[in-house]
Amino acid sequence: MKRQFMTFCCCLLALGANAQPGISEMQQAQQNLRSTFFSAMDCAQVLAAVFGIIGAVRIYHNWQMGHPRIDEQVAAWFFAAFFMVLAGVFLRGVFGL
């Protein structure tokens, strides 16, 4: 009885394995991921550039106005841009692209 049950379970597992997507579907999914990922990388780099430019203009304005403590602003804008660049590198490492 136990052998028959085990044989039945193995047959059900074999039927489930045939229902999985094939190689062409997996390659299509990988291609979709690559195209989406690289457009997201471009977006992250554009955002980093925008953060850098806006930060530079704001810091320059505050410096010209004579604000005494702009060090925190320099660090904040620098690390905002740096984070966007590193986020793209981290995601590339996680997805293996």
PDB file of N, CA and C in Angstrom:
ATOM      1  N   MET A   1       0.815  -1.193   0.000  1.00  0.00           N
ATOM      2  CA  MET A   1       0.000   0.000   0.000  1.00  0.00           C
ATOM      3  C   MET A   1       0.862   1.261   0.000  1.00  0.00           C
ATOM      4  N   LYS A   2       1.929   1.227   0.790  1.00  0.00           N
ATOM      5  CA  LYS A   2       2.816   2.383   0.878  1.00  0.00           C
ATOM      6  C   LYS A   2       3.543   2.607  -0.447  1.00  0.00           C
ATOM      7  N   ARG A   3       3.936   1.517  -1.109  1.00  0.00           N
ATOM      8  CA  ARG A   3       4.625   1.637  -2.392  1.00  0.00           C
ATOM      9  C   ARG A   3       3.695   2.223  -3.458  1.00  0.00           C
ATOM     10  N   GLN A   4       2.461   1.810  -3.445  1.00  0.00           N
ATOM     11  CA  GLN A   4       1.512   2.321  -4.422  1.00  0.00           C
ATOM     12  C   GLN A   4       1.294   3.823  -4.223  1.00  0.00           C
ATOM     13  N   PHE A   5       1.209   4.235  -2.972  1.00  0.00           N
ATOM     14  CA  PHE A   5       1.027   5.653  -2.673  1.00  0.00           C
ATOM     15  C   PHE A   5       2.248   6.457  -3.136  1.00  0.00           C
ATOM     16  N   MET A   6       3.448   5.937  -2.894  1.00  0.00           N
ATOM     17  CA  MET A   6       4.675   6.619  -3.316  1.00  0.00           C
ATOM     18  C   MET A   6       4.753   6.681  -4.844  1.00  0.00           C
ATOM     19  N   THR A   7       4.361   5.619  -5.529  1.00  0.00           N
ATOM     20  CA  THR A   7       4.351   5.602  -6.989  1.00  0.00           C
ATOM     21  C   THR A   7       3.364   6.630  -7.526  1.00  0.00           C
ATOM     22  N   PHE A   8       2.206   6.711  -6.913  1.00  0.00           N
ATOM     23  CA  PHE A   8       1.198   7.695  -7.315  1.00  0.00           C
ATOM     24  C   PHE A   8       1.714   9.127  -7.135  1.00  0.00           C
ATOM     25  N   CYS A   9       2.386   9.386  -6.016  1.00  0.00           N
ATOM     26  CA  CYS A   9       2.937  10.726  -5.764  1.00  0.00           C
ATOM     27  C   CYS A   9       4.025  11.086  -6.779  1.00  0.00           C
ATOM     28  N   CYS A  10       4.865  10.124  -7.117  1.00  0.00           N
ATOM     29  CA  CYS A  10       5.915  10.377  -8.109  1.00  0.00           C
ATOM     30  C   CYS A  10       5.322  10.661  -9.485  1.00  0.00           C
ATOM     31  N   CYS A  11       4.262   9.969  -9.827  1.00  0.00           N
ATOM     32  CA  CYS A  11       3.598  10.226 -11.116  1.00  0.00           C
ATOM     33  C   CYS A  11       3.003  11.629 -11.151  1.00  0.00           C
ATOM     34  N   LEU A  12       2.416  12.075 -10.038  1.00  0.00           N
ATOM     35  CA  LEU A  12       1.865  13.424  -9.981  1.00  0.00           C
ATOM     36  C   LEU A  12       2.967  14.476 -10.093  1.00  0.00           C
ATOM     37  N   LEU A  13       4.100  14.220  -9.493  1.00  0.00           N
ATOM     38  CA  LEU A  13       5.226  15.154  -9.595  1.00  0.00           C
ATOM     39  C   LEU A  13       5.746  15.229 -11.023  1.00  0.00           C
ATOM     40  N   ALA A  14       5.783  14.116 -11.704  1.00  0.00           N
ATOM     41  CA  ALA A  14       6.248  14.108 -13.095  1.00  0.00           C
ATOM     42  C   ALA A  14       5.296  14.889 -13.991  1.00  0.00           C
ATOM     43  N   LEU A  15       4.000  14.794 -13.753  1.00  0.00           N
ATOM     44  CA  LEU A  15       3.038  15.550 -14.546  1.00  0.00           C
ATOM     45  C   LEU A  15       3.198  17.054 -14.296  1.00  0.00           C
ATOM     46  N   GLY A  16       3.459  17.425 -13.055  1.00  0.00           N
ATOM     47  CA  GLY A  16       3.668  18.837 -12.730  1.00  0.00           C
ATOM     48  C   GLY A  16       4.931  19.393 -13.355  1.00  0.00           C
ATOM     49  N   ALA A  17       5.941  18.580 -13.515  1.00  0.00           N
ATOM     50  CA  ALA A  17       7.191  19.042 -14.113  1.00  0.00           C
ATOM     51  C   ALA A  17       7.025  19.330 -15.598  1.00  0.00           C
ATOM     52  N   ASN A  18       6.164  18.617 -16.273  1.00  0.00           N
ATOM     53  CA  ASN A  18       5.930  18.856 -17.696  1.00  0.00           C
ATOM     54  C   ASN A  18       5.165  20.149 -17.941  1.00  0.00           C
ATOM     55  N   ALA A  19       4.488  20.660 -16.941  1.00  0.00           N
ATOM     56  CA  ALA A  19       3.673  21.859 -17.106  1.00  0.00           C
ATOM     57  C   ALA A  19       4.486  23.144 -16.915  1.00  0.00           C
ATOM     58  N   GLN A  20       5.757  23.039 -16.609  1.00  0.00           N
ATOM     59  CA  GLN A  20       6.593  24.224 -16.378  1.00  0.00           C
ATOM     60  C   GLN A  20       6.952  24.871 -17.708  1.00  0.00           C
ATOM     61  N   PRO A  21       7.253  26.204 -17.690  1.00  0.00           N
ATOM     62  CA  PRO A  21       7.609  26.883 -18.944  1.00  0.00           C
ATOM     63  C   PRO A  21       8.925  26.356 -19.517  1.00  0.00           C
ATOM     64  N   GLY A  22       9.049  26.508 -20.803  1.00  0.00           N
ATOM     65  CA  GLY A  22      10.215  25.983 -21.491  1.00  0.00           C
ATOM     66  C   GLY A  22      11.368  26.967 -21.536  1.00  0.00           C
ATOM     67  N   ILE A  23      12.385  26.575 -22.288  1.00  0.00           N
ATOM     68  CA  ILE A  23      13.598  27.374 -22.414  1.00  0.00           C
ATOM     69  C   ILE A  23      13.315  28.710 -23.096  1.00  0.00           C
ATOM     70  N   SER A  24      12.478  28.703 -24.121  1.00  0.00           N
ATOM     71  CA  SER A  24      12.216  29.950 -24.849  1.00  0.00           C
ATOM     72  C   SER A  24      11.504  30.969 -23.958  1.00  0.00           C
ATOM     73  N   GLU A  25      10.610  30.511 -23.085  1.00  0.00           N
ATOM     74  CA  GLU A  25       9.935  31.422 -22.172  1.00  0.00           C
ATOM     75  C   GLU A  25      10.907  31.997 -21.158  1.00  0.00           C
ATOM     76  N   MET A  26      11.824  31.177 -20.683  1.00  0.00           N
ATOM     77  CA  MET A  26      12.825  31.656 -19.722  1.00  0.00           C
ATOM     78  C   MET A  26      13.759  32.680 -20.370  1.00  0.00           C
ATOM     79  N   GLN A  27      14.152  32.454 -21.610  1.00  0.00           N
ATOM     80  CA  GLN A  27      14.999  33.423 -22.297  1.00  0.00           C
ATOM     81  C   GLN A  27      14.253  34.725 -22.547  1.00  0.00           C
ATOM     82  N   GLN A  28      12.965  34.639 -22.853  1.00  0.00           N
ATOM     83  CA  GLN A  28      12.160  35.843 -23.045  1.00  0.00           C
ATOM     84  C   GLN A  28      12.043  36.624 -21.737  1.00  0.00           C
ATOM     85  N   ALA A  29      11.840  35.920 -20.628  1.00  0.00           N
ATOM     86  CA  ALA A  29      11.756  36.591 -19.326  1.00  0.00           C
ATOM     87  C   ALA A  29      13.084  37.256 -18.974  1.00  0.00           C
ATOM     88  N   GLN A  30      14.196  36.593 -19.266  1.00  0.00           N
ATOM     89  CA  GLN A  30      15.509  37.175 -18.999  1.00  0.00           C
ATOM     90  C   GLN A  30      15.730  38.415 -19.862  1.00  0.00           C
ATOM     91  N   GLN A  31      15.318  38.378 -21.114  1.00  0.00           N
ATOM     92  CA  GLN A  31      15.461  39.538 -22.000  1.00  0.00           C
ATOM     93  C   GLN A  31      14.608  40.703 -21.512  1.00  0.00           C
ATOM     94  N   ASN A  32      13.387  40.415 -21.058  1.00  0.00           N
ATOM     95  CA  ASN A  32      12.524  41.466 -20.517  1.00  0.00           C
ATOM     96  C   ASN A  32      13.139  42.092 -19.272  1.00  0.00           C
ATOM     97  N   LEU A  33      13.717  41.260 -18.410  1.00  0.00           N
ATOM     98  CA  LEU A  33      14.363  41.774 -17.197  1.00  0.00           C
ATOM     99  C   LEU A  33      15.551  42.650 -17.545  1.00  0.00           C
ATOM    100  N   ARG A  34      16.353  42.234 -18.507  1.00  0.00           N
ATOM    101  CA  ARG A  34      17.519  43.030 -18.902  1.00  0.00           C
ATOM    102  C   ARG A  34      17.104  44.385 -19.478  1.00  0.00           C
ATOM    103  N   SER A  35      16.099  44.405 -20.335  1.00  0.00           N
ATOM    104  CA  SER A  35      15.689  45.683 -20.932  1.00  0.00           C
ATOM    105  C   SER A  35      15.095  46.606 -19.884  1.00  0.00           C
ATOM    106  N   THR A  36      14.304  46.076 -18.985  1.00  0.00           N
ATOM    107  CA  THR A  36      13.726  46.899 -17.923  1.00  0.00           C
ATOM    108  C   THR A  36      14.797  47.373 -16.962  1.00  0.00           C
ATOM    109  N   PHE A  37      15.745  46.495 -16.641  1.00  0.00           N
ATOM    110  CA  PHE A  37      16.783  46.853 -15.679  1.00  0.00           C
ATOM    111  C   PHE A  37      17.663  47.972 -16.219  1.00  0.00           C
ATOM    112  N   PHE A  38      18.053  47.900 -17.487  1.00  0.00           N
ATOM    113  CA  PHE A  38      18.944  48.927 -18.011  1.00  0.00           C
ATOM    114  C   PHE A  38      18.238  50.262 -18.164  1.00  0.00           C
ATOM    115  N   SER A  39      16.937  50.263 -18.432  1.00  0.00           N
ATOM    116  CA  SER A  39      16.225  51.537 -18.444  1.00  0.00           C
ATOM    117  C   SER A  39      16.124  52.088 -17.029  1.00  0.00           C
ATOM    118  N   ALA A  40      16.011  51.218 -16.023  1.00  0.00           N
ATOM    119  CA  ALA A  40      16.006  51.673 -14.632  1.00  0.00           C
ATOM    120  C   ALA A  40      17.390  52.193 -14.237  1.00  0.00           C
ATOM    121  N   MET A  41      18.455  51.577 -14.764  1.00  0.00           N
ATOM    122  CA  MET A  41      19.811  52.072 -14.479  1.00  0.00           C
ATOM    123  C   MET A  41      19.994  53.466 -15.055  1.00  0.00           C
ATOM    124  N   ASP A  42      19.524  53.680 -16.271  1.00  0.00           N
ATOM    125  CA  ASP A  42      19.609  55.016 -16.868  1.00  0.00           C
ATOM    126  C   ASP A  42      18.831  56.030 -16.045  1.00  0.00           C
ATOM    127  N   CYS A  43      17.669  55.633 -15.560  1.00  0.00           N
ATOM    128  CA  CYS A  43      16.855  56.523 -14.728  1.00  0.00           C
ATOM    129  C   CYS A  43      17.584  56.853 -13.424  1.00  0.00           C
ATOM    130  N   ALA A  44      18.230  55.871 -12.802  1.00  0.00           N
ATOM    131  CA  ALA A  44      18.961  56.117 -11.562  1.00  0.00           C
ATOM    132  C   ALA A  44      20.131  57.073 -11.804  1.00  0.00           C
ATOM    133  N   GLN A  45      20.819  56.926 -12.918  1.00  0.00           N
ATOM    134  CA  GLN A  45      21.930  57.824 -13.201  1.00  0.00           C
ATOM    135  C   GLN A  45      21.462  59.233 -13.520  1.00  0.00           C
ATOM    136  N   VAL A  46      20.323  59.351 -14.190  1.00  0.00           N
ATOM    137  CA  VAL A  46      19.764  60.678 -14.457  1.00  0.00           C
ATOM    138  C   VAL A  46      19.339  61.338 -13.155  1.00  0.00           C
ATOM    139  N   LEU A  47      18.711  60.566 -12.269  1.00  0.00           N
ATOM    140  CA  LEU A  47      18.326  61.125 -10.970  1.00  0.00           C
ATOM    141  C   LEU A  47      19.547  61.555 -10.165  1.00  0.00           C
ATOM    142  N   ALA A  48      20.615  60.779 -10.216  1.00  0.00           N
ATOM    143  CA  ALA A  48      21.839  61.158  -9.507  1.00  0.00           C
ATOM    144  C   ALA A  48      22.404  62.462 -10.063  1.00  0.00           C
ATOM    145  N   ALA A  49      22.363  62.624 -11.382  1.00  0.00           N
ATOM    146  CA  ALA A  49      22.845  63.871 -11.996  1.00  0.00           C
ATOM    147  C   ALA A  49      21.963  65.051 -11.606  1.00  0.00           C
ATOM    148  N   VAL A  50      20.651  64.835 -11.578  1.00  0.00           N
ATOM    149  CA  VAL A  50      19.735  65.913 -11.177  1.00  0.00           C
ATOM    150  C   VAL A  50      19.963  66.291  -9.726  1.00  0.00           C
ATOM    151  N   PHE A  51      20.128  65.297  -8.858  1.00  0.00           N
ATOM    152  CA  PHE A  51      20.421  65.593  -7.447  1.00  0.00           C
ATOM    153  C   PHE A  51      21.711  66.387  -7.317  1.00  0.00           C
ATOM    154  N   GLY A  52      22.715  66.019  -8.089  1.00  0.00           N
ATOM    155  CA  GLY A  52      23.987  66.733  -8.029  1.00  0.00           C
ATOM    156  C   GLY A  52      23.864  68.176  -8.494  1.00  0.00           C
ATOM    157  N   ILE A  53      23.145  68.394  -9.583  1.00  0.00           N
ATOM    158  CA  ILE A  53      23.004  69.756 -10.108  1.00  0.00           C
ATOM    159  C   ILE A  53      22.169  70.626  -9.173  1.00  0.00           C
ATOM    160  N   ILE A  54      21.027  70.109  -8.717  1.00  0.00           N
ATOM    161  CA  ILE A  54      20.192  70.888  -7.799  1.00  0.00           C
ATOM    162  C   ILE A  54      20.930  71.172  -6.501  1.00  0.00           C
ATOM    163  N   GLY A  55      21.630  70.168  -5.993  1.00  0.00           N
ATOM    164  CA  GLY A  55      22.402  70.373  -4.765  1.00  0.00           C
ATOM    165  C   GLY A  55      23.482  71.414  -4.941  1.00  0.00           C
ATOM    166  N   ALA A  56      24.169  71.385  -6.065  1.00  0.00           N
ATOM    167  CA  ALA A  56      25.232  72.365  -6.306  1.00  0.00           C
ATOM    168  C   ALA A  56      24.673  73.775  -6.375  1.00  0.00           C
ATOM    169  N   VAL A  57      23.534  73.945  -7.039  1.00  0.00           N
ATOM    170  CA  VAL A  57      22.929  75.276  -7.145  1.00  0.00           C
ATOM    171  C   VAL A  57      22.464  75.766  -5.777  1.00  0.00           C
ATOM    172  N   ARG A  58      21.827  74.910  -4.998  1.00  0.00           N
ATOM    173  CA  ARG A  58      21.352  75.330  -3.672  1.00  0.00           C
ATOM    174  C   ARG A  58      22.511  75.656  -2.741  1.00  0.00           C
ATOM    175  N   ILE A  59      23.556  74.839  -2.786  1.00  0.00           N
ATOM    176  CA  ILE A  59      24.707  75.095  -1.925  1.00  0.00           C
ATOM    177  C   ILE A  59      25.408  76.388  -2.336  1.00  0.00           C
ATOM    178  N   TYR A  60      25.550  76.609  -3.632  1.00  0.00           N
ATOM    179  CA  TYR A  60      26.174  77.842  -4.108  1.00  0.00           C
ATOM    180  C   TYR A  60      25.351  79.058  -3.687  1.00  0.00           C
ATOM    181  N   HIS A  61      24.044  78.960  -3.787  1.00  0.00           N
ATOM    182  CA  HIS A  61      23.177  80.068  -3.382  1.00  0.00           C
ATOM    183  C   HIS A  61      23.315  80.346  -1.884  1.00  0.00           C
ATOM    184  N   ASN A  62      23.275  79.302  -1.063  1.00  0.00           N
ATOM    185  CA  ASN A  62      23.410  79.490   0.387  1.00  0.00           C
ATOM    186  C   ASN A  62      24.791  80.034   0.750  1.00  0.00           C
ATOM    187  N   TRP A  63      25.799  79.610   0.035  1.00  0.00           N
ATOM    188  CA  TRP A  63      27.154  80.094   0.293  1.00  0.00           C
ATOM    189  C   TRP A  63      27.257  81.583  -0.035  1.00  0.00           C
ATOM    190  N   GLN A  64      26.671  81.984  -1.159  1.00  0.00           N
ATOM    191  CA  GLN A  64      26.701  83.389  -1.549  1.00  0.00           C
ATOM    192  C   GLN A  64      25.861  84.264  -0.612  1.00  0.00           C
ATOM    193  N   MET A  65      24.824  83.685  -0.006  1.00  0.00           N
ATOM    194  CA  MET A  65      23.989  84.433   0.924  1.00  0.00           C
ATOM    195  C   MET A  65      24.620  84.532   2.308  1.00  0.00           C
ATOM    196  N   GLY A  66      25.710  83.819   2.533  1.00  0.00           N
ATOM    197  CA  GLY A  66      26.431  83.919   3.789  1.00  0.00           C
ATOM    198  C   GLY A  66      25.940  82.995   4.883  1.00  0.00           C
ATOM    199  N   HIS A  67      25.247  81.940   4.532  1.00  0.00           N
ATOM    200  CA  HIS A  67      24.803  80.982   5.557  1.00  0.00           C
ATOM    201  C   HIS A  67      26.034  80.291   6.133  1.00  0.00           C
ATOM    202  N   PRO A  68      26.116  80.244   7.473  1.00  0.00           N
ATOM    203  CA  PRO A  68      27.362  79.777   8.096  1.00  0.00           C
ATOM    204  C   PRO A  68      27.599  78.267   8.003  1.00  0.00           C
ATOM    205  N   ARG A  69      26.542  77.453   7.982  1.00  0.00           N
ATOM    206  CA  ARG A  69      26.752  76.006   8.079  1.00  0.00           C
ATOM    207  C   ARG A  69      26.199  75.320   6.837  1.00  0.00           C
ATOM    208  N   ILE A  70      27.028  75.204   5.826  1.00  0.00           N
ATOM    209  CA  ILE A  70      26.600  74.517   4.605  1.00  0.00           C
ATOM    210  C   ILE A  70      27.214  73.124   4.497  1.00  0.00           C
ATOM    211  N   ASP A  71      28.019  72.737   5.483  1.00  0.00           N
ATOM    212  CA  ASP A  71      28.667  71.423   5.433  1.00  0.00           C
ATOM    213  C   ASP A  71      27.643  70.284   5.420  1.00  0.00           C
ATOM    214  N   GLU A  72      26.586  70.424   6.224  1.00  0.00           N
ATOM    215  CA  GLU A  72      25.565  69.372   6.261  1.00  0.00           C
ATOM    216  C   GLU A  72      24.846  69.264   4.920  1.00  0.00           C
ATOM    217  N   GLN A  73      24.614  70.399   4.291  1.00  0.00           N
ATOM    218  CA  GLN A  73      23.943  70.370   2.991  1.00  0.00           C
ATOM    219  C   GLN A  73      24.835  69.736   1.928  1.00  0.00           C
ATOM    220  N   VAL A  74      26.108  70.033   1.976  1.00  0.00           N
ATOM    221  CA  VAL A  74      27.036  69.425   1.019  1.00  0.00           C
ATOM    222  C   VAL A  74      27.017  67.906   1.163  1.00  0.00           C
ATOM    223  N   ALA A  75      27.111  67.445   2.406  1.00  0.00           N
ATOM    224  CA  ALA A  75      27.114  65.998   2.641  1.00  0.00           C
ATOM    225  C   ALA A  75      25.782  65.374   2.226  1.00  0.00           C
ATOM    226  N   ALA A  76      24.676  66.029   2.540  1.00  0.00           N
ATOM    227  CA  ALA A  76      23.359  65.462   2.221  1.00  0.00           C
ATOM    228  C   ALA A  76      23.163  65.318   0.719  1.00  0.00           C
ATOM    229  N   TRP A  77      23.461  66.350  -0.050  1.00  0.00           N
ATOM    230  CA  TRP A  77      23.263  66.280  -1.505  1.00  0.00           C
ATOM    231  C   TRP A  77      24.261  65.318  -2.147  1.00  0.00           C
ATOM    232  N   PHE A  78      25.496  65.302  -1.645  1.00  0.00           N
ATOM    233  CA  PHE A  78      26.495  64.383  -2.198  1.00  0.00           C
ATOM    234  C   PHE A  78      26.066  62.935  -1.990  1.00  0.00           C
ATOM    235  N   PHE A  79      25.636  62.615  -0.767  1.00  0.00           N
ATOM    236  CA  PHE A  79      25.278  61.229  -0.491  1.00  0.00           C
ATOM    237  C   PHE A  79      23.953  60.836  -1.138  1.00  0.00           C
ATOM    238  N   ALA A  80      23.073  61.788  -1.422  1.00  0.00           N
ATOM    239  CA  ALA A  80      21.854  61.462  -2.166  1.00  0.00           C
ATOM    240  C   ALA A  80      22.212  61.016  -3.581  1.00  0.00           C
ATOM    241  N   ALA A  81      23.102  61.745  -4.218  1.00  0.00           N
ATOM    242  CA  ALA A  81      23.528  61.365  -5.566  1.00  0.00           C
ATOM    243  C   ALA A  81      24.341  60.061  -5.539  1.00  0.00           C
ATOM    244  N   PHE A  82      25.209  59.933  -4.557  1.00  0.00           N
ATOM    245  CA  PHE A  82      26.041  58.737  -4.428  1.00  0.00           C
ATOM    246  C   PHE A  82      25.180  57.496  -4.183  1.00  0.00           C
ATOM    247  N   PHE A  83      24.112  57.640  -3.398  1.00  0.00           N
ATOM    248  CA  PHE A  83      23.214  56.522  -3.136  1.00  0.00           C
ATOM    249  C   PHE A  83      22.538  56.053  -4.415  1.00  0.00           C
ATOM    250  N   MET A  84      22.131  56.971  -5.260  1.00  0.00           N
ATOM    251  CA  MET A  84      21.475  56.584  -6.510  1.00  0.00           C
ATOM    252  C   MET A  84      22.425  55.800  -7.412  1.00  0.00           C
ATOM    253  N   VAL A  85      23.682  56.199  -7.445  1.00  0.00           N
ATOM    254  CA  VAL A  85      24.663  55.478  -8.265  1.00  0.00           C
ATOM    255  C   VAL A  85      24.904  54.083  -7.684  1.00  0.00           C
ATOM    256  N   LEU A  86      25.060  53.991  -6.352  1.00  0.00           N
ATOM    257  CA  LEU A  86      25.320  52.695  -5.726  1.00  0.00           C
ATOM    258  C   LEU A  86      24.105  51.770  -5.771  1.00  0.00           C
ATOM    259  N   ALA A  87      22.910  52.331  -5.768  1.00  0.00           N
ATOM    260  CA  ALA A  87      21.715  51.490  -5.854  1.00  0.00           C
ATOM    261  C   ALA A  87      21.692  50.734  -7.181  1.00  0.00           C
ATOM    262  N   GLY A  88      22.089  51.400  -8.254  1.00  0.00           N
ATOM    263  CA  GLY A  88      22.152  50.715  -9.543  1.00  0.00           C
ATOM    264  C   GLY A  88      23.190  49.609  -9.571  1.00  0.00           C
ATOM    265  N   VAL A  89      24.346  49.868  -8.983  1.00  0.00           N
ATOM    266  CA  VAL A  89      25.412  48.853  -8.927  1.00  0.00           C
ATOM    267  C   VAL A  89      24.964  47.667  -8.078  1.00  0.00           C
ATOM    268  N   PHE A  90      24.298  47.954  -6.956  1.00  0.00           N
ATOM    269  CA  PHE A  90      23.821  46.887  -6.074  1.00  0.00           C
ATOM    270  C   PHE A  90      22.792  46.015  -6.790  1.00  0.00           C
ATOM    271  N   LEU A  91      21.855  46.637  -7.483  1.00  0.00           N
ATOM    272  CA  LEU A  91      20.844  45.866  -8.208  1.00  0.00           C
ATOM    273  C   LEU A  91      21.459  45.046  -9.342  1.00  0.00           C
ATOM    274  N   ARG A  92      22.471  45.592  -9.985  1.00  0.00           N
ATOM    275  CA  ARG A  92      23.157  44.820 -11.031  1.00  0.00           C
ATOM    276  C   ARG A  92      23.812  43.578 -10.416  1.00  0.00           C
ATOM    277  N   GLY A  93      24.399  43.710  -9.234  1.00  0.00           N
ATOM    278  CA  GLY A  93      25.004  42.561  -8.570  1.00  0.00           C
ATOM    279  C   GLY A  93      23.983  41.544  -8.107  1.00  0.00           C
ATOM    280  N   VAL A  94      22.835  42.007  -7.623  1.00  0.00           N
ATOM    281  CA  VAL A  94      21.804  41.091  -7.133  1.00  0.00           C
ATOM    282  C   VAL A  94      21.208  40.287  -8.275  1.00  0.00           C
ATOM    283  N   PHE A  95      20.900  40.946  -9.397  1.00  0.00           N
ATOM    284  CA  PHE A  95      20.297  40.246 -10.517  1.00  0.00           C
ATOM    285  C   PHE A  95      21.316  39.554 -11.411  1.00  0.00           C
ATOM    286  N   GLY A  96      22.594  39.786 -11.189  1.00  0.00           N
ATOM    287  CA  GLY A  96      23.625  39.121 -11.971  1.00  0.00           C
ATOM    288  C   GLY A  96      23.699  39.570 -13.415  1.00  0.00           C
ATOM    289  N   LEU A  97      23.423  40.829 -13.674  1.00  0.00           N
ATOM    290  CA  LEU A  97      23.429  41.323 -15.053  1.00  0.00           C
ATOM    291  C   LEU A  97      24.707  42.046 -15.366  1.00  0.00           C
TER     292      LEU A  97
END
